Protein backbone atom coordinates (compact mmCIF):
# COMPACT_ATOMS: atom_id res chain seq x y z
CA MET A 1 104.63 138.53 122.51
CA ASN A 2 105.97 135.66 124.63
CA LYS A 3 108.96 137.57 126.02
CA TYR A 4 108.79 139.17 129.48
CA ASP A 5 111.07 140.82 132.00
CA ILE A 6 109.64 138.70 134.82
CA ILE A 7 107.53 135.56 134.81
CA VAL A 8 106.07 134.36 138.11
CA LEU A 9 105.11 130.68 138.35
CA GLY A 10 102.13 130.48 140.72
CA SER A 11 99.62 133.13 141.81
CA GLY A 12 99.21 132.61 145.56
CA PRO A 13 99.95 135.37 148.09
CA GLY A 14 103.62 135.01 147.13
CA GLY A 15 103.13 134.95 143.39
CA TYR A 16 100.46 137.58 142.78
CA VAL A 17 102.03 140.06 145.21
CA THR A 18 105.41 139.53 143.51
CA ALA A 19 103.84 140.15 140.11
CA ILE A 20 102.16 143.37 141.25
CA ARG A 21 105.37 144.75 142.80
CA ALA A 22 107.30 143.80 139.66
CA SER A 23 104.79 145.66 137.50
CA GLN A 24 104.93 148.70 139.81
CA LEU A 25 108.69 148.74 139.30
CA GLY A 26 108.26 148.88 135.52
CA PHE A 27 108.87 145.24 134.62
CA LYS A 28 106.81 143.61 131.87
CA THR A 29 105.29 140.82 133.95
CA ALA A 30 103.32 137.61 133.51
CA VAL A 31 101.97 135.18 136.06
CA ILE A 32 101.29 131.50 135.28
CA GLU A 33 98.48 129.74 137.18
CA LYS A 34 97.15 126.21 136.67
CA GLU A 35 94.01 126.64 138.78
CA ASN A 36 92.62 129.74 140.55
CA LEU A 37 94.20 133.17 140.95
CA GLY A 38 95.08 133.68 144.61
CA GLY A 39 96.32 130.12 145.09
CA VAL A 40 95.53 127.99 148.13
CA CYS A 41 95.48 130.95 150.54
CA LEU A 42 92.63 132.81 148.88
CA ASN A 43 90.73 129.82 147.54
CA TRP A 44 91.27 126.96 149.99
CA GLY A 45 93.26 128.33 152.93
CA CYS A 46 93.63 131.54 154.92
CA ILE A 47 90.57 133.41 153.64
CA PRO A 48 87.76 130.82 153.39
CA THR A 49 88.78 129.24 156.71
CA LYS A 50 88.34 132.63 158.40
CA ALA A 51 84.84 132.80 156.94
CA LEU A 52 84.06 129.35 158.42
CA LEU A 53 85.52 130.35 161.77
CA LYS A 54 83.45 133.54 161.84
CA SER A 55 80.27 131.51 161.30
CA ALA A 56 81.33 129.23 164.17
CA GLN A 57 82.00 132.24 166.40
CA VAL A 58 78.59 133.78 165.66
CA PHE A 59 76.96 130.41 166.41
CA GLU A 60 78.84 130.31 169.73
CA TYR A 61 77.52 133.77 170.58
CA LEU A 62 73.97 132.60 169.90
CA LYS A 63 74.48 129.59 172.17
CA HIS A 64 75.68 131.88 174.97
CA ALA A 65 73.26 134.76 174.40
CA GLY A 66 72.01 134.35 177.98
CA ASP A 67 75.48 135.29 179.28
CA TYR A 68 74.91 138.74 177.76
CA GLY A 69 71.43 139.20 179.16
CA LEU A 70 69.80 138.34 175.85
CA THR A 71 67.13 135.79 175.02
CA VAL A 72 67.28 133.94 171.72
CA ASN A 73 64.49 131.39 171.66
CA GLU A 74 65.20 129.66 168.40
CA TYR A 75 68.43 129.35 166.49
CA ASP A 76 70.10 126.68 164.43
CA LYS A 77 72.88 126.20 161.94
CA ASP A 78 72.66 125.41 158.24
CA PHE A 79 75.94 123.62 157.56
CA GLU A 80 75.55 123.82 153.77
CA ALA A 81 74.87 127.57 153.97
CA VAL A 82 77.95 128.08 156.17
CA ILE A 83 80.11 126.26 153.59
CA LYS A 84 78.44 128.21 150.75
CA ARG A 85 79.17 131.54 152.45
CA SER A 86 82.84 130.57 152.85
CA ARG A 87 83.11 129.62 149.17
CA GLY A 88 81.46 132.92 148.22
CA VAL A 89 84.03 134.89 150.22
CA ALA A 90 86.85 132.96 148.51
CA GLU A 91 85.40 133.57 145.04
CA GLY A 92 85.06 137.28 145.75
CA MET A 93 88.70 137.51 146.82
CA SER A 94 89.87 135.59 143.73
CA LYS A 95 87.95 138.05 141.52
CA GLY A 96 89.69 140.83 143.41
CA VAL A 97 93.06 139.39 142.37
CA GLN A 98 91.83 139.21 138.74
CA PHE A 99 91.03 142.94 138.98
CA LEU A 100 94.50 143.67 140.41
CA MET A 101 96.14 141.77 137.54
CA LYS A 102 94.25 143.88 134.97
CA LYS A 103 94.87 147.11 136.86
CA ASN A 104 98.62 146.43 136.95
CA LYS A 105 98.73 145.24 133.29
CA ILE A 106 99.99 141.78 134.25
CA ASP A 107 99.41 138.99 131.73
CA VAL A 108 97.74 135.94 133.30
CA ILE A 109 98.75 132.73 131.52
CA GLU A 110 96.45 129.85 132.40
CA GLY A 111 97.93 126.35 132.45
CA PHE A 112 100.66 124.20 133.97
CA GLY A 113 104.08 125.81 133.75
CA LYS A 114 107.26 123.78 133.40
CA LEU A 115 110.68 125.38 133.71
CA LYS A 116 113.18 124.93 130.90
CA PRO A 117 116.85 125.85 130.60
CA GLY A 118 117.68 129.25 129.09
CA LYS A 119 115.14 131.17 131.17
CA LYS A 120 112.11 129.66 129.54
CA VAL A 121 108.80 128.23 130.75
CA ASP A 122 106.62 125.82 128.79
CA VAL A 123 102.90 126.20 129.47
CA ASP A 124 100.97 123.29 127.99
CA GLY A 125 103.04 123.38 124.79
CA THR A 126 103.53 127.14 124.44
CA GLU A 127 106.94 128.54 125.31
CA TYR A 128 107.52 131.83 127.16
CA SER A 129 110.82 133.45 128.09
CA ALA A 130 111.89 136.06 130.63
CA ASP A 131 115.01 137.67 132.03
CA HIS A 132 113.92 136.52 135.48
CA ILE A 133 111.70 133.57 136.44
CA ILE A 134 110.33 133.41 139.98
CA ILE A 135 109.03 130.08 141.33
CA ALA A 136 106.09 130.51 143.73
CA THR A 137 104.26 127.19 143.42
CA GLY A 138 103.40 126.82 147.12
CA ALA A 139 102.46 123.63 148.94
CA ARG A 140 99.65 121.18 149.64
CA SER A 141 98.50 118.87 152.43
CA ARG A 142 101.18 116.31 153.31
CA GLU A 143 100.24 112.64 153.35
CA LEU A 144 101.60 110.14 155.87
CA PRO A 145 102.13 106.51 154.78
CA SER A 146 99.93 105.42 157.72
CA LEU A 147 97.25 107.95 156.77
CA PRO A 148 96.66 107.91 153.00
CA GLN A 149 94.03 110.45 151.94
CA ASP A 150 91.12 109.19 149.85
CA GLY A 151 89.30 112.54 149.79
CA LYS A 152 86.18 111.03 151.37
CA LYS A 153 86.87 109.38 154.74
CA VAL A 154 90.47 110.51 155.16
CA ILE A 155 90.68 114.10 153.99
CA GLY A 156 93.01 117.11 153.85
CA TYR A 157 92.22 120.76 154.58
CA ARG A 158 90.79 121.29 151.12
CA GLU A 159 87.99 118.74 151.51
CA ALA A 160 87.44 119.90 155.13
CA MET A 161 86.24 123.28 153.82
CA SER A 162 83.66 121.93 151.45
CA LEU A 163 82.15 118.76 152.95
CA PRO A 164 78.63 118.13 151.57
CA LYS A 165 77.32 117.29 155.05
CA GLN A 166 78.49 117.74 158.60
CA PRO A 167 80.12 114.69 160.20
CA LYS A 168 78.89 113.54 163.62
CA LYS A 169 82.40 112.47 164.68
CA MET A 170 85.75 113.67 163.42
CA ILE A 171 89.35 112.81 164.28
CA VAL A 172 91.86 115.58 163.57
CA VAL A 173 95.43 114.30 163.24
CA GLY A 174 97.93 117.07 163.92
CA SER A 175 97.41 120.19 166.02
CA GLY A 176 99.24 122.91 164.15
CA ALA A 177 97.29 125.95 162.93
CA ILE A 178 95.25 123.99 160.35
CA GLY A 179 94.38 121.20 162.78
CA VAL A 180 93.21 123.37 165.67
CA GLU A 181 91.28 125.79 163.46
CA PHE A 182 89.25 122.97 161.93
CA ALA A 183 88.89 121.27 165.33
CA TYR A 184 87.38 124.47 166.73
CA PHE A 185 85.10 124.98 163.71
CA TYR A 186 83.64 121.49 163.66
CA ASN A 187 83.33 121.30 167.46
CA SER A 188 81.42 124.61 167.47
CA MET A 189 79.10 123.29 164.77
CA GLY A 190 78.30 120.27 166.98
CA THR A 191 80.65 117.58 165.66
CA GLU A 192 82.34 115.40 168.28
CA VAL A 193 86.04 116.15 167.73
CA THR A 194 89.17 114.32 168.88
CA ILE A 195 92.62 115.80 168.26
CA VAL A 196 95.54 113.36 167.99
CA GLU A 197 98.95 115.06 168.37
CA TYR A 198 102.29 113.22 168.08
CA LEU A 199 104.16 115.71 170.31
CA PRO A 200 103.53 116.34 174.05
CA ASN A 201 101.65 119.63 173.48
CA ILE A 202 99.06 120.89 170.99
CA VAL A 203 100.20 123.83 168.80
CA PRO A 204 103.71 122.51 169.48
CA VAL A 205 105.62 125.45 167.94
CA GLU A 206 104.09 127.82 170.50
CA ASP A 207 105.30 128.72 173.98
CA GLU A 208 104.38 125.92 176.40
CA ASP A 209 102.16 128.20 178.51
CA VAL A 210 100.12 129.06 175.40
CA SER A 211 99.77 125.38 174.43
CA LYS A 212 98.51 124.49 177.90
CA GLN A 213 96.00 127.36 177.94
CA LEU A 214 94.61 126.43 174.52
CA GLU A 215 94.29 122.81 175.63
CA ARG A 216 92.31 123.90 178.71
CA SER A 217 90.02 126.08 176.59
CA PHE A 218 89.46 123.34 174.03
CA LYS A 219 88.71 120.70 176.68
CA LYS A 220 86.25 123.09 178.33
CA ASN A 221 84.44 123.26 174.97
CA GLY A 222 84.27 119.47 174.74
CA ILE A 223 87.15 118.73 172.36
CA ASN A 224 88.94 115.46 173.19
CA ILE A 225 92.72 115.81 173.09
CA MET A 226 95.30 113.01 172.86
CA THR A 227 98.93 114.17 173.00
CA SER A 228 102.08 112.02 172.63
CA ALA A 229 99.85 109.90 170.39
CA GLU A 230 100.25 108.51 166.88
CA VAL A 231 97.81 107.12 164.34
CA THR A 232 99.48 103.90 163.17
CA LYS A 233 96.77 102.65 160.79
CA VAL A 234 93.30 103.41 159.50
CA ASP A 235 90.49 101.13 158.36
CA THR A 236 88.01 102.69 155.93
CA SER A 237 86.23 99.46 154.97
CA GLY A 238 83.09 100.06 157.07
CA ASN A 239 80.54 102.90 157.09
CA GLY A 240 82.92 105.24 158.87
CA VAL A 241 86.61 105.03 159.66
CA LYS A 242 88.56 103.33 162.45
CA ALA A 243 91.91 104.76 163.56
CA THR A 244 94.41 102.78 165.61
CA VAL A 245 96.12 105.24 167.95
CA LYS A 246 99.31 104.34 169.78
CA THR A 247 99.91 106.09 173.13
CA SER A 248 102.16 105.53 176.14
CA LYS A 249 99.33 103.44 177.61
CA GLY A 250 99.09 101.16 174.59
CA GLU A 251 96.86 101.04 171.54
CA GLU A 252 93.33 102.38 171.24
CA VAL A 253 90.88 102.22 168.34
CA LEU A 254 88.87 105.39 167.66
CA GLU A 255 85.80 105.43 165.44
CA ALA A 256 84.62 108.43 163.43
CA ASP A 257 82.88 109.47 160.22
CA ILE A 258 85.93 111.31 158.92
CA ILE A 259 89.63 111.75 159.68
CA LEU A 260 91.19 115.11 158.86
CA SER A 261 94.92 114.78 158.23
CA ALA A 262 96.59 118.05 159.27
CA VAL A 263 100.17 116.83 159.64
CA GLY A 264 101.90 119.57 157.70
CA ILE A 265 102.52 120.44 154.08
CA LYS A 266 104.35 119.11 151.02
CA THR A 267 105.88 121.56 148.54
CA ASN A 268 104.65 121.66 144.93
CA ILE A 269 108.02 121.12 143.28
CA GLU A 270 107.40 117.91 141.32
CA ASN A 271 107.22 117.99 137.53
CA ILE A 272 107.93 121.73 137.24
CA GLY A 273 111.31 121.21 135.54
CA LEU A 274 113.70 121.83 138.44
CA GLU A 275 115.84 118.82 137.41
CA ASP A 276 115.91 119.94 133.74
CA VAL A 277 117.24 123.36 134.74
CA GLY A 278 119.58 122.01 137.45
CA ILE A 279 118.05 123.91 140.38
CA VAL A 280 119.23 122.50 143.72
CA VAL A 281 116.65 121.11 146.14
CA ASP A 282 117.28 119.91 149.70
CA ARG A 283 114.69 118.17 151.90
CA ASP A 284 111.71 119.20 149.78
CA LYS A 285 112.80 122.86 149.59
CA ILE A 286 114.45 124.90 146.86
CA LEU A 287 117.71 126.37 148.15
CA VAL A 288 118.02 130.15 147.72
CA ASP A 289 120.24 132.98 148.91
CA LYS A 290 119.02 135.88 151.06
CA PHE A 291 117.42 137.54 148.03
CA TYR A 292 115.86 134.31 146.72
CA LYS A 293 118.26 133.50 143.88
CA THR A 294 118.60 129.78 143.17
CA ASN A 295 121.94 128.26 142.11
CA ILE A 296 120.99 128.90 138.45
CA PRO A 297 121.20 132.57 137.33
CA GLY A 298 117.84 134.07 136.33
CA TYR A 299 115.78 131.62 138.42
CA TYR A 300 114.42 132.54 141.85
CA ALA A 301 112.09 130.93 144.39
CA ILE A 302 109.89 132.35 147.15
CA GLY A 303 107.24 131.20 149.61
CA ASP A 304 106.46 127.68 150.81
CA VAL A 305 108.90 126.07 148.34
CA THR A 306 111.86 127.70 150.16
CA PRO A 307 113.23 127.00 153.68
CA GLY A 308 111.56 129.98 155.47
CA GLN A 309 108.29 129.76 157.43
CA ALA A 310 105.41 128.53 155.26
CA LEU A 311 103.12 131.52 155.85
CA ALA A 312 101.26 133.77 153.41
CA HIS A 313 102.75 136.98 154.79
CA VAL A 314 106.27 135.53 154.53
CA ALA A 315 105.74 134.61 150.86
CA SER A 316 104.48 138.13 150.07
CA ALA A 317 107.42 139.79 151.85
CA GLU A 318 109.92 137.49 150.11
CA GLY A 319 108.45 138.21 146.67
CA ILE A 320 108.60 141.97 147.18
CA LEU A 321 112.23 141.78 148.37
CA CYS A 322 113.12 139.52 145.44
CA VAL A 323 111.88 141.91 142.72
CA GLU A 324 113.16 145.03 144.50
CA ASN A 325 116.61 143.42 144.57
CA ILE A 326 116.31 142.53 140.86
CA LYS A 327 115.51 146.22 140.25
CA GLY A 328 118.73 147.18 142.03
CA MET A 329 117.06 148.86 144.99
CA HIS A 330 118.79 148.84 148.38
CA VAL A 331 116.91 146.21 150.38
CA GLU A 332 117.53 144.46 153.70
CA ALA A 333 117.26 140.70 153.95
CA LEU A 334 114.16 139.44 155.77
CA ASP A 335 114.53 138.85 159.52
CA TYR A 336 113.03 135.38 159.95
CA GLY A 337 113.33 135.75 163.73
CA ASN A 338 110.66 138.48 163.68
CA ILE A 339 107.89 136.75 161.74
CA PRO A 340 104.53 136.63 163.55
CA GLY A 341 102.56 133.41 163.62
CA CYS A 342 98.76 133.50 164.01
CA THR A 343 96.17 130.78 164.61
CA TYR A 344 92.50 131.74 164.31
CA CYS A 345 90.67 129.23 166.48
CA THR A 346 88.87 130.53 169.59
CA PRO A 347 90.73 131.57 171.66
CA GLU A 348 93.14 132.88 169.04
CA VAL A 349 96.89 132.34 169.29
CA ALA A 350 99.58 134.80 168.16
CA SER A 351 103.30 134.92 168.76
CA VAL A 352 106.60 136.37 167.59
CA GLY A 353 110.20 135.80 168.60
CA LEU A 354 111.63 133.31 171.07
CA THR A 355 109.61 131.09 173.40
CA GLU A 356 110.69 130.97 177.04
CA LYS A 357 112.34 127.59 176.45
CA GLN A 358 114.24 128.84 173.37
CA ALA A 359 115.42 131.98 175.20
CA LYS A 360 116.72 129.92 178.12
CA GLU A 361 118.49 127.53 175.74
CA LYS A 362 120.24 130.52 174.16
CA GLY A 363 121.57 131.49 177.59
CA TYR A 364 119.66 134.72 178.15
CA GLU A 365 118.89 135.94 181.65
CA LEU A 366 115.18 136.68 181.42
CA LYS A 367 112.53 139.05 182.64
CA ILE A 368 109.13 137.45 182.00
CA GLY A 369 105.77 139.14 182.44
CA LYS A 370 102.28 137.77 182.06
CA PHE A 371 98.90 139.47 182.15
CA PRO A 372 95.73 137.33 182.15
CA PHE A 373 92.66 138.54 180.29
CA SER A 374 90.67 137.60 183.41
CA ALA A 375 92.11 140.86 184.84
CA SER A 376 91.21 142.91 181.73
CA GLY A 377 88.09 145.06 181.91
CA LYS A 378 87.58 144.91 178.13
CA ALA A 379 87.94 141.12 178.04
CA LYS A 380 85.52 140.63 180.93
CA ALA A 381 82.97 143.02 179.40
CA GLY A 382 83.23 141.17 176.10
CA GLY A 383 82.83 137.78 177.75
CA ASN A 384 86.28 136.72 176.52
CA ALA A 385 88.37 136.25 179.67
CA ASP A 386 90.28 133.13 178.56
CA GLY A 387 93.97 133.60 177.87
CA PHE A 388 96.84 136.00 178.52
CA VAL A 389 99.71 138.01 177.08
CA LYS A 390 103.22 136.82 177.91
CA VAL A 391 106.34 138.88 177.21
CA ILE A 392 109.98 137.84 177.42
CA PHE A 393 112.84 140.34 177.78
CA ASP A 394 116.60 140.05 178.07
CA ALA A 395 117.28 141.20 181.65
CA LYS A 396 120.68 142.68 180.72
CA TYR A 397 119.79 145.01 177.82
CA GLY A 398 116.00 145.09 177.85
CA GLU A 399 115.71 143.53 174.38
CA TRP A 400 112.21 142.25 173.60
CA LEU A 401 112.96 138.59 172.88
CA GLY A 402 109.45 137.22 172.46
CA CYS A 403 105.75 137.86 172.83
CA HIS A 404 103.09 135.15 173.12
CA MET A 405 99.34 135.67 173.26
CA VAL A 406 96.27 133.50 173.55
CA GLY A 407 92.81 135.07 173.71
CA ALA A 408 90.14 136.96 171.78
CA GLY A 409 91.50 139.16 168.99
CA VAL A 410 95.17 138.56 169.71
CA THR A 411 95.98 138.00 166.02
CA ASP A 412 95.26 141.71 165.58
CA MET A 413 97.38 142.64 168.61
CA ILE A 414 100.64 140.85 167.80
CA ALA A 415 101.73 143.53 165.29
CA GLU A 416 102.67 145.81 168.23
CA ALA A 417 105.32 143.32 169.30
CA VAL A 418 106.54 142.78 165.72
CA LEU A 419 106.94 146.53 165.17
CA GLY A 420 108.45 147.06 168.62
CA ARG A 421 111.04 144.35 168.02
CA LYS A 422 111.82 145.71 164.53
CA LEU A 423 112.51 149.13 166.10
CA GLU A 424 114.57 147.50 168.90
CA THR A 425 112.15 148.76 171.52
CA THR A 426 113.01 148.06 175.16
CA GLY A 427 110.60 147.07 177.90
CA HIS A 428 110.72 150.52 179.47
CA GLU A 429 109.74 152.16 176.19
CA VAL A 430 106.67 149.91 175.90
CA LEU A 431 105.78 150.76 179.50
CA LYS A 432 105.98 154.48 178.88
CA ALA A 433 103.93 154.35 175.67
CA VAL A 434 100.41 155.10 176.91
CA HIS A 435 97.97 152.36 175.85
CA PRO A 436 94.24 153.12 175.55
CA HIS A 437 91.83 151.88 178.21
CA PRO A 438 89.73 149.79 178.14
CA THR A 439 91.22 147.69 175.33
CA MET A 440 92.55 144.18 174.86
CA SER A 441 95.84 145.69 173.67
CA GLU A 442 96.62 147.32 177.00
CA ALA A 443 97.33 143.77 178.22
CA VAL A 444 100.65 144.08 176.34
CA MET A 445 101.64 147.07 178.48
CA GLU A 446 100.40 145.31 181.63
CA ALA A 447 102.43 142.18 180.82
CA VAL A 448 105.55 144.32 180.33
CA ALA A 449 104.80 146.06 183.64
CA ASP A 450 104.62 142.62 185.26
CA ALA A 451 108.04 141.72 183.83
CA TYR A 452 109.51 144.86 185.44
CA ASP A 453 107.62 144.55 188.74
CA GLU A 454 105.48 147.59 188.02
CA VAL A 455 102.15 145.92 187.28
CA ILE A 456 99.11 147.80 188.63
CA HIS A 457 96.15 145.56 187.92
CA LEU A 458 97.34 142.22 189.29
């Protein structure tokens, strides 16, 4: 009973998707999970944060009802109810994964799995074996030596989604996707928020124009932003917390109720038996080939534990490719240069491909187009005129090198650029594909028109 074709260690968006695809392909499959089906993404990450952000967005609409010609005399927030709704959404999604496991006849083994040589996994004293073992154990909030998390005054993303009461003041350290999403949420709810970012720009992986626009929007909403700044020490001995922040101007002490550490992630690769099996790890990541084989035959790894982008949709795609390759299907390796990144604060941020700086560093001659949402009829009608679409093309061959968006709903728009780049679409082809009016998405066409000096509405 304990022998399988494929065992997947971890049931996040990498693990459970891998297990389902394996089962579809006829493999007898089991998934091992120590906590909740769906992993961090469904339970403490992507999904419940979007529920929180939606509550914040609705609250913002109520605050600005007058802008839409509406009168709302009384409105307020119930912080506990907002958190409760988010947890309810997460629980519903986790139950959905339980249903998918049953539907696909996948055995769910509850407990902590430890890899053993000979294609075996020990789960709390019970041994299971498989022809193929896929590691999908994901990652957690990274801790800095200067910012140790105590779960109460210095917290990670997990505690940030389930605080018992709303803090009056919060310091967010780090301005990647997690940092800016929580900064937006708490600011919208009425918390005084300060972002401390070590690098010169917030959302530092994004195109510089996007970073600057998001900073403007955030400052307009009352978020304090400190860039090129570092938290060197924290003092949690009093009622709240004091953070010493080092900047180019010297040191400053900030006071708050809570510090949220959002300085990246740490992979969950400790104590899972990698050393016992002899699987090679480099800089906190399991080394794999293009189809996710480790250096030891029969053992594979996908998702956040491998060197690719630590994103849910990347983990899912890697898992599907991994099992399809095991099945002997003809599959293409994943193109990591065409992975979209999305951040769900308001305004949203979405991007794919090269930034302007990266394209210039690679020596391309560029055609760059930009279309502001302030010139979009749909954006103006919706009261969401902040932001723009920026496109970057190779001037010589018309290759779509990059697309960068900041504004309302752009996380739903970026797929056009991803698909266009996958199909090797040129700028002229985008221009000649008729986009519906009035929509936010026509800003993509308008930005391309701007790149080729054919823009109408600017």
